[in-house]
Each structure stands twice: as structure tokens, then as C-alpha cells.
N, C-alpha and C. Protein backbone atom coordinates (compact mmCIF):
# COMPACT_ATOMS: atom_id res chain seq x y z
N MET A 1 5.61 -17.19 0.06
CA MET A 1 4.43 -16.47 -0.41
C MET A 1 3.51 -17.45 -1.11
N SER A 2 2.24 -17.29 -0.94
CA SER A 2 1.28 -18.17 -1.58
C SER A 2 1.07 -17.77 -3.03
N LEU A 3 0.43 -18.65 -3.75
CA LEU A 3 0.15 -18.43 -5.16
C LEU A 3 -1.29 -17.99 -5.33
N THR A 4 -1.50 -16.96 -6.13
CA THR A 4 -2.86 -16.56 -6.48
C THR A 4 -2.98 -16.56 -8.00
N VAL A 5 -4.17 -16.97 -8.45
CA VAL A 5 -4.48 -17.02 -9.88
C VAL A 5 -5.84 -16.37 -10.06
N GLU A 6 -5.90 -15.32 -10.86
CA GLU A 6 -7.14 -14.61 -11.14
C GLU A 6 -7.25 -14.45 -12.65
N TRP A 7 -8.47 -14.33 -13.14
CA TRP A 7 -8.64 -14.15 -14.58
C TRP A 7 -9.73 -13.16 -14.90
N THR A 8 -9.58 -12.57 -16.08
CA THR A 8 -10.58 -11.65 -16.62
C THR A 8 -10.72 -11.95 -18.11
N ARG A 9 -11.89 -11.65 -18.61
CA ARG A 9 -12.16 -11.80 -20.04
C ARG A 9 -12.30 -10.43 -20.65
N GLY A 10 -11.70 -10.27 -21.79
CA GLY A 10 -11.88 -9.05 -22.58
C GLY A 10 -12.21 -9.47 -23.98
N ARG A 11 -12.45 -8.49 -24.81
CA ARG A 11 -12.76 -8.82 -26.20
C ARG A 11 -11.56 -9.52 -26.84
N GLY A 12 -11.75 -10.77 -27.12
CA GLY A 12 -10.73 -11.51 -27.84
C GLY A 12 -9.63 -12.12 -27.01
N GLN A 13 -9.64 -11.91 -25.70
CA GLN A 13 -8.57 -12.51 -24.90
C GLN A 13 -9.02 -12.85 -23.49
N LEU A 14 -8.44 -13.91 -22.99
CA LEU A 14 -8.59 -14.33 -21.61
C LEU A 14 -7.26 -14.05 -20.93
N VAL A 15 -7.29 -13.25 -19.88
CA VAL A 15 -6.05 -12.89 -19.17
C VAL A 15 -6.05 -13.59 -17.82
N VAL A 16 -5.04 -14.43 -17.61
CA VAL A 16 -4.86 -15.13 -16.34
C VAL A 16 -3.65 -14.50 -15.66
N SER A 17 -3.91 -13.84 -14.51
CA SER A 17 -2.85 -13.16 -13.77
C SER A 17 -2.40 -14.04 -12.60
N VAL A 18 -1.09 -14.22 -12.51
CA VAL A 18 -0.50 -15.11 -11.52
C VAL A 18 0.44 -14.30 -10.64
N SER A 19 0.37 -14.53 -9.33
CA SER A 19 1.33 -13.88 -8.44
C SER A 19 1.77 -14.85 -7.36
N GLY A 20 3.00 -14.66 -6.91
CA GLY A 20 3.55 -15.51 -5.86
C GLY A 20 4.64 -16.40 -6.40
N GLU A 21 4.78 -17.57 -5.78
CA GLU A 21 5.82 -18.52 -6.14
C GLU A 21 5.21 -19.73 -6.81
N VAL A 22 5.79 -20.12 -7.94
CA VAL A 22 5.31 -21.30 -8.66
C VAL A 22 6.41 -22.37 -8.55
N ASP A 23 6.13 -23.37 -7.73
CA ASP A 23 7.07 -24.46 -7.51
C ASP A 23 6.32 -25.78 -7.51
N ALA A 24 7.00 -26.84 -7.14
CA ALA A 24 6.38 -28.17 -7.15
C ALA A 24 5.13 -28.22 -6.28
N GLY A 25 5.12 -27.48 -5.18
CA GLY A 25 3.97 -27.49 -4.29
C GLY A 25 2.79 -26.67 -4.80
N SER A 26 3.06 -25.59 -5.51
CA SER A 26 1.99 -24.70 -5.95
C SER A 26 1.61 -24.86 -7.42
N SER A 27 2.42 -25.57 -8.20
CA SER A 27 2.11 -25.69 -9.63
C SER A 27 0.77 -26.37 -9.90
N PRO A 28 0.32 -27.33 -9.08
CA PRO A 28 -1.02 -27.87 -9.32
C PRO A 28 -2.12 -26.79 -9.19
N ARG A 29 -1.94 -25.84 -8.28
CA ARG A 29 -2.91 -24.75 -8.16
C ARG A 29 -2.89 -23.85 -9.38
N LEU A 30 -1.72 -23.64 -9.96
CA LEU A 30 -1.63 -22.86 -11.20
C LEU A 30 -2.37 -23.60 -12.31
N GLN A 31 -2.13 -24.89 -12.42
CA GLN A 31 -2.79 -25.68 -13.45
C GLN A 31 -4.31 -25.66 -13.25
N GLU A 32 -4.76 -25.79 -12.02
CA GLU A 32 -6.20 -25.74 -11.72
C GLU A 32 -6.78 -24.37 -12.04
N GLY A 33 -6.04 -23.31 -11.72
CA GLY A 33 -6.51 -21.95 -12.00
C GLY A 33 -6.67 -21.70 -13.49
N ILE A 34 -5.71 -22.17 -14.27
CA ILE A 34 -5.79 -22.01 -15.72
C ILE A 34 -6.96 -22.81 -16.26
N ALA A 35 -7.15 -24.03 -15.75
CA ALA A 35 -8.27 -24.86 -16.19
C ALA A 35 -9.61 -24.21 -15.85
N ALA A 36 -9.72 -23.62 -14.66
CA ALA A 36 -10.95 -22.95 -14.25
C ALA A 36 -11.22 -21.74 -15.14
N ALA A 37 -10.17 -21.00 -15.48
CA ALA A 37 -10.33 -19.84 -16.36
C ALA A 37 -10.81 -20.29 -17.73
N HIS A 38 -10.22 -21.36 -18.25
CA HIS A 38 -10.65 -21.89 -19.55
C HIS A 38 -12.11 -22.33 -19.49
N ALA A 39 -12.51 -22.97 -18.40
CA ALA A 39 -13.89 -23.45 -18.27
C ALA A 39 -14.88 -22.28 -18.25
N ALA A 40 -14.48 -21.15 -17.67
CA ALA A 40 -15.36 -19.98 -17.57
C ALA A 40 -15.33 -19.13 -18.85
N ASP A 41 -14.43 -19.44 -19.75
CA ASP A 41 -14.24 -18.64 -20.96
C ASP A 41 -15.12 -19.16 -22.10
N GLU A 42 -16.39 -18.80 -22.06
CA GLU A 42 -17.35 -19.24 -23.09
C GLU A 42 -17.98 -18.05 -23.77
N PRO A 43 -17.96 -17.94 -25.06
CA PRO A 43 -17.22 -18.81 -25.97
C PRO A 43 -15.72 -18.59 -25.79
N PRO A 44 -14.92 -19.56 -26.17
CA PRO A 44 -13.47 -19.46 -25.95
C PRO A 44 -12.86 -18.25 -26.66
N SER A 45 -12.01 -17.54 -25.94
CA SER A 45 -11.28 -16.41 -26.51
C SER A 45 -10.19 -16.94 -27.44
N PRO A 46 -9.88 -16.23 -28.51
CA PRO A 46 -8.83 -16.69 -29.41
C PRO A 46 -7.42 -16.59 -28.82
N THR A 47 -7.26 -15.79 -27.76
CA THR A 47 -5.94 -15.59 -27.17
C THR A 47 -5.99 -15.77 -25.66
N LEU A 48 -5.03 -16.53 -25.13
CA LEU A 48 -4.83 -16.65 -23.68
C LEU A 48 -3.56 -15.90 -23.34
N VAL A 49 -3.67 -14.96 -22.41
CA VAL A 49 -2.51 -14.20 -21.95
C VAL A 49 -2.25 -14.63 -20.50
N LEU A 50 -1.07 -15.19 -20.25
CA LEU A 50 -0.66 -15.50 -18.89
C LEU A 50 0.22 -14.37 -18.40
N ASP A 51 -0.30 -13.61 -17.46
CA ASP A 51 0.44 -12.47 -16.89
C ASP A 51 1.25 -12.98 -15.71
N LEU A 52 2.55 -13.12 -15.91
CA LEU A 52 3.46 -13.67 -14.91
C LEU A 52 4.32 -12.59 -14.27
N ASP A 53 3.94 -11.34 -14.44
CA ASP A 53 4.77 -10.23 -13.96
C ASP A 53 4.93 -10.21 -12.43
N ARG A 54 3.97 -10.77 -11.71
CA ARG A 54 4.07 -10.76 -10.24
C ARG A 54 4.52 -12.11 -9.68
N VAL A 55 5.07 -12.96 -10.55
CA VAL A 55 5.63 -14.23 -10.10
C VAL A 55 7.03 -13.97 -9.57
N GLU A 56 7.26 -14.39 -8.33
CA GLU A 56 8.55 -14.13 -7.67
C GLU A 56 9.53 -15.29 -7.76
N PHE A 57 9.01 -16.48 -8.10
CA PHE A 57 9.86 -17.66 -8.21
C PHE A 57 9.18 -18.62 -9.16
N LEU A 58 9.97 -19.25 -10.04
CA LEU A 58 9.43 -20.20 -11.01
C LEU A 58 10.45 -21.32 -11.15
N ASP A 59 10.01 -22.56 -10.89
CA ASP A 59 10.94 -23.68 -11.05
C ASP A 59 10.47 -24.58 -12.20
N SER A 60 11.09 -25.74 -12.31
CA SER A 60 10.79 -26.63 -13.43
C SER A 60 9.35 -27.12 -13.42
N ALA A 61 8.74 -27.27 -12.25
CA ALA A 61 7.33 -27.68 -12.20
C ALA A 61 6.44 -26.59 -12.80
N GLY A 62 6.77 -25.34 -12.54
CA GLY A 62 6.02 -24.23 -13.13
C GLY A 62 6.23 -24.16 -14.63
N LEU A 63 7.47 -24.38 -15.07
CA LEU A 63 7.74 -24.40 -16.50
C LEU A 63 6.96 -25.51 -17.19
N ALA A 64 6.84 -26.65 -16.52
CA ALA A 64 6.08 -27.77 -17.09
C ALA A 64 4.61 -27.38 -17.29
N VAL A 65 4.05 -26.62 -16.35
CA VAL A 65 2.67 -26.15 -16.50
C VAL A 65 2.56 -25.22 -17.71
N LEU A 66 3.54 -24.35 -17.89
CA LEU A 66 3.51 -23.45 -19.04
C LEU A 66 3.57 -24.23 -20.35
N VAL A 67 4.42 -25.24 -20.42
CA VAL A 67 4.54 -26.05 -21.63
C VAL A 67 3.24 -26.82 -21.88
N GLU A 68 2.66 -27.37 -20.83
CA GLU A 68 1.39 -28.09 -20.99
C GLU A 68 0.28 -27.14 -21.43
N THR A 69 0.27 -25.95 -20.87
CA THR A 69 -0.73 -24.95 -21.28
C THR A 69 -0.55 -24.59 -22.74
N ALA A 70 0.69 -24.44 -23.18
CA ALA A 70 0.95 -24.14 -24.59
C ALA A 70 0.42 -25.26 -25.48
N SER A 71 0.62 -26.49 -25.07
CA SER A 71 0.13 -27.63 -25.84
C SER A 71 -1.40 -27.63 -25.91
N ASP A 72 -2.04 -27.37 -24.76
CA ASP A 72 -3.50 -27.32 -24.72
C ASP A 72 -4.04 -26.21 -25.61
N CYS A 73 -3.38 -25.05 -25.57
CA CYS A 73 -3.81 -23.92 -26.41
C CYS A 73 -3.67 -24.27 -27.88
N HIS A 74 -2.56 -24.88 -28.23
CA HIS A 74 -2.32 -25.26 -29.62
C HIS A 74 -3.42 -26.20 -30.12
N LYS A 75 -3.75 -27.20 -29.30
CA LYS A 75 -4.80 -28.16 -29.67
C LYS A 75 -6.15 -27.48 -29.84
N ALA A 76 -6.40 -26.44 -29.04
CA ALA A 76 -7.68 -25.74 -29.08
C ALA A 76 -7.70 -24.62 -30.12
N GLY A 77 -6.58 -24.40 -30.80
CA GLY A 77 -6.51 -23.31 -31.77
C GLY A 77 -6.45 -21.94 -31.12
N GLN A 78 -5.94 -21.89 -29.91
CA GLN A 78 -5.86 -20.64 -29.15
C GLN A 78 -4.40 -20.18 -29.09
N GLU A 79 -4.19 -18.89 -29.26
CA GLU A 79 -2.85 -18.33 -29.17
C GLU A 79 -2.49 -18.10 -27.71
N LEU A 80 -1.27 -18.43 -27.32
CA LEU A 80 -0.79 -18.21 -25.96
C LEU A 80 0.28 -17.14 -25.97
N ARG A 81 0.14 -16.18 -25.07
CA ARG A 81 1.16 -15.13 -24.88
C ARG A 81 1.49 -15.07 -23.40
N LEU A 82 2.77 -14.86 -23.09
CA LEU A 82 3.21 -14.70 -21.72
C LEU A 82 3.62 -13.25 -21.51
N VAL A 83 3.25 -12.69 -20.37
CA VAL A 83 3.74 -11.38 -19.97
C VAL A 83 4.75 -11.62 -18.86
N ALA A 84 5.99 -11.23 -19.11
CA ALA A 84 7.05 -11.47 -18.14
C ALA A 84 8.13 -10.40 -18.29
N THR A 85 8.35 -9.66 -17.22
CA THR A 85 9.44 -8.69 -17.21
C THR A 85 10.39 -8.94 -16.04
N GLY A 86 9.95 -9.74 -15.08
CA GLY A 86 10.77 -10.00 -13.90
C GLY A 86 11.82 -11.07 -14.14
N ARG A 87 12.92 -10.95 -13.42
CA ARG A 87 14.04 -11.88 -13.58
C ARG A 87 13.65 -13.31 -13.22
N ALA A 88 12.77 -13.49 -12.23
CA ALA A 88 12.42 -14.84 -11.79
C ALA A 88 11.88 -15.68 -12.93
N VAL A 89 11.09 -15.07 -13.80
CA VAL A 89 10.51 -15.81 -14.92
C VAL A 89 11.42 -15.73 -16.15
N LEU A 90 11.87 -14.54 -16.49
CA LEU A 90 12.70 -14.39 -17.70
C LEU A 90 13.96 -15.23 -17.65
N ASN A 91 14.63 -15.28 -16.51
CA ASN A 91 15.85 -16.08 -16.41
C ASN A 91 15.58 -17.55 -16.68
N GLN A 92 14.48 -18.07 -16.14
CA GLN A 92 14.14 -19.47 -16.37
C GLN A 92 13.78 -19.73 -17.84
N LEU A 93 13.04 -18.81 -18.43
CA LEU A 93 12.68 -18.98 -19.84
C LEU A 93 13.93 -18.97 -20.72
N LYS A 94 14.85 -18.05 -20.44
CA LYS A 94 16.08 -17.96 -21.24
C LYS A 94 16.98 -19.16 -21.01
N LEU A 95 17.11 -19.58 -19.76
CA LEU A 95 17.96 -20.71 -19.41
C LEU A 95 17.52 -21.99 -20.12
N THR A 96 16.24 -22.17 -20.26
CA THR A 96 15.69 -23.38 -20.89
C THR A 96 15.45 -23.24 -22.39
N GLY A 97 15.61 -22.03 -22.92
CA GLY A 97 15.35 -21.79 -24.33
C GLY A 97 13.88 -21.59 -24.65
N LEU A 98 13.03 -21.60 -23.63
CA LEU A 98 11.60 -21.42 -23.86
C LEU A 98 11.25 -20.00 -24.29
N ASP A 99 12.16 -19.06 -24.07
CA ASP A 99 11.91 -17.70 -24.55
C ASP A 99 11.89 -17.65 -26.07
N GLN A 100 12.45 -18.68 -26.72
CA GLN A 100 12.43 -18.77 -28.17
C GLN A 100 11.16 -19.46 -28.68
N ILE A 101 10.46 -20.12 -27.78
CA ILE A 101 9.25 -20.87 -28.14
C ILE A 101 8.00 -20.04 -27.86
N PHE A 102 7.96 -19.41 -26.70
CA PHE A 102 6.79 -18.62 -26.29
C PHE A 102 6.86 -17.21 -26.85
N THR A 103 5.70 -16.61 -27.05
CA THR A 103 5.62 -15.18 -27.33
C THR A 103 5.63 -14.48 -25.98
N VAL A 104 6.70 -13.73 -25.70
CA VAL A 104 6.86 -13.07 -24.41
C VAL A 104 6.70 -11.57 -24.61
N LEU A 105 5.78 -10.98 -23.85
CA LEU A 105 5.46 -9.56 -23.95
C LEU A 105 5.89 -8.82 -22.71
N ASP A 106 5.99 -7.48 -22.83
CA ASP A 106 6.34 -6.63 -21.69
C ASP A 106 5.12 -6.21 -20.88
N ALA A 107 3.94 -6.32 -21.45
CA ALA A 107 2.71 -5.89 -20.76
C ALA A 107 1.52 -6.62 -21.36
N VAL A 108 0.44 -6.67 -20.60
CA VAL A 108 -0.80 -7.25 -21.10
C VAL A 108 -1.31 -6.36 -22.23
N PRO A 109 -1.53 -6.95 -23.40
CA PRO A 109 -2.00 -6.12 -24.51
C PRO A 109 -3.42 -5.62 -24.27
N ALA A 110 -3.70 -4.45 -24.79
CA ALA A 110 -5.06 -3.91 -24.72
C ALA A 110 -5.97 -4.83 -25.53
N ALA A 111 -7.16 -5.05 -25.03
CA ALA A 111 -8.12 -5.89 -25.75
C ALA A 111 -8.44 -5.24 -27.09
N PRO A 112 -8.42 -6.01 -28.15
CA PRO A 112 -8.73 -5.42 -29.45
C PRO A 112 -10.15 -4.89 -29.51
N ALA A 113 -10.33 -3.80 -30.19
CA ALA A 113 -11.67 -3.23 -30.36
C ALA A 113 -12.41 -3.99 -31.45
N ASN A 114 -13.69 -4.10 -31.27
CA ASN A 114 -14.50 -4.79 -32.29
C ASN A 114 -15.03 -3.79 -33.31
């Protein structure tokens, strides 16, 4: 299955939705998609939500993109949240201990009201 990356902006958050398989071959597209979403997010949202609920496979290359994204968010003063309920992502996060590092949610949070 191919990888798709789409994003939307809401009040206070940038939501990047990912679907498909994230592996060594597709992880550069994920990285590019996140970078494009960040570039379009002006002014920058205080929160980046990566919606990984439709990810069917995630390997170490995909995990590396998540860690790099977390580092970029930290440097920019942006909060990163992951949405993950599927085994493909949760198992990898738990296996690597990243579930203790990332904020993992069950659903995309509603955009805060102003």
C-alpha cells in the first residue's frame, strides 16, 4: 500500500494524517509531508498532531522520522502529539519504549475554542 500524508490546520493545532505503510522506502515521503505541512502552517500552530491511526506498518525508518519530528518540534517550541490506536504503531512504540516519550492519544483532539 502506498503512503499518503495530508494536513489540516485548526485553531491551535496542525493535524498531519498519515495512512499506509511507513518503511525505509516511504519514510522520506513522510518526512517531506511533515515538512510541507510545517511550511504551510503560518503562523505556526502551538501543537502538531500526527494522526497515525491509518498506518498499517511502521518500521525503524518510520520511528526515526517520528523521533526527528519530535526534536524539530521541541526546537520550535511546538508540542507534538501522536494519535495511535492500531497495533502496527502501538506495538513498535511500546517495543522501543517510545510510548513513554511521546504523548499518545486515542483520537485527534478537538481544536480548542478561542
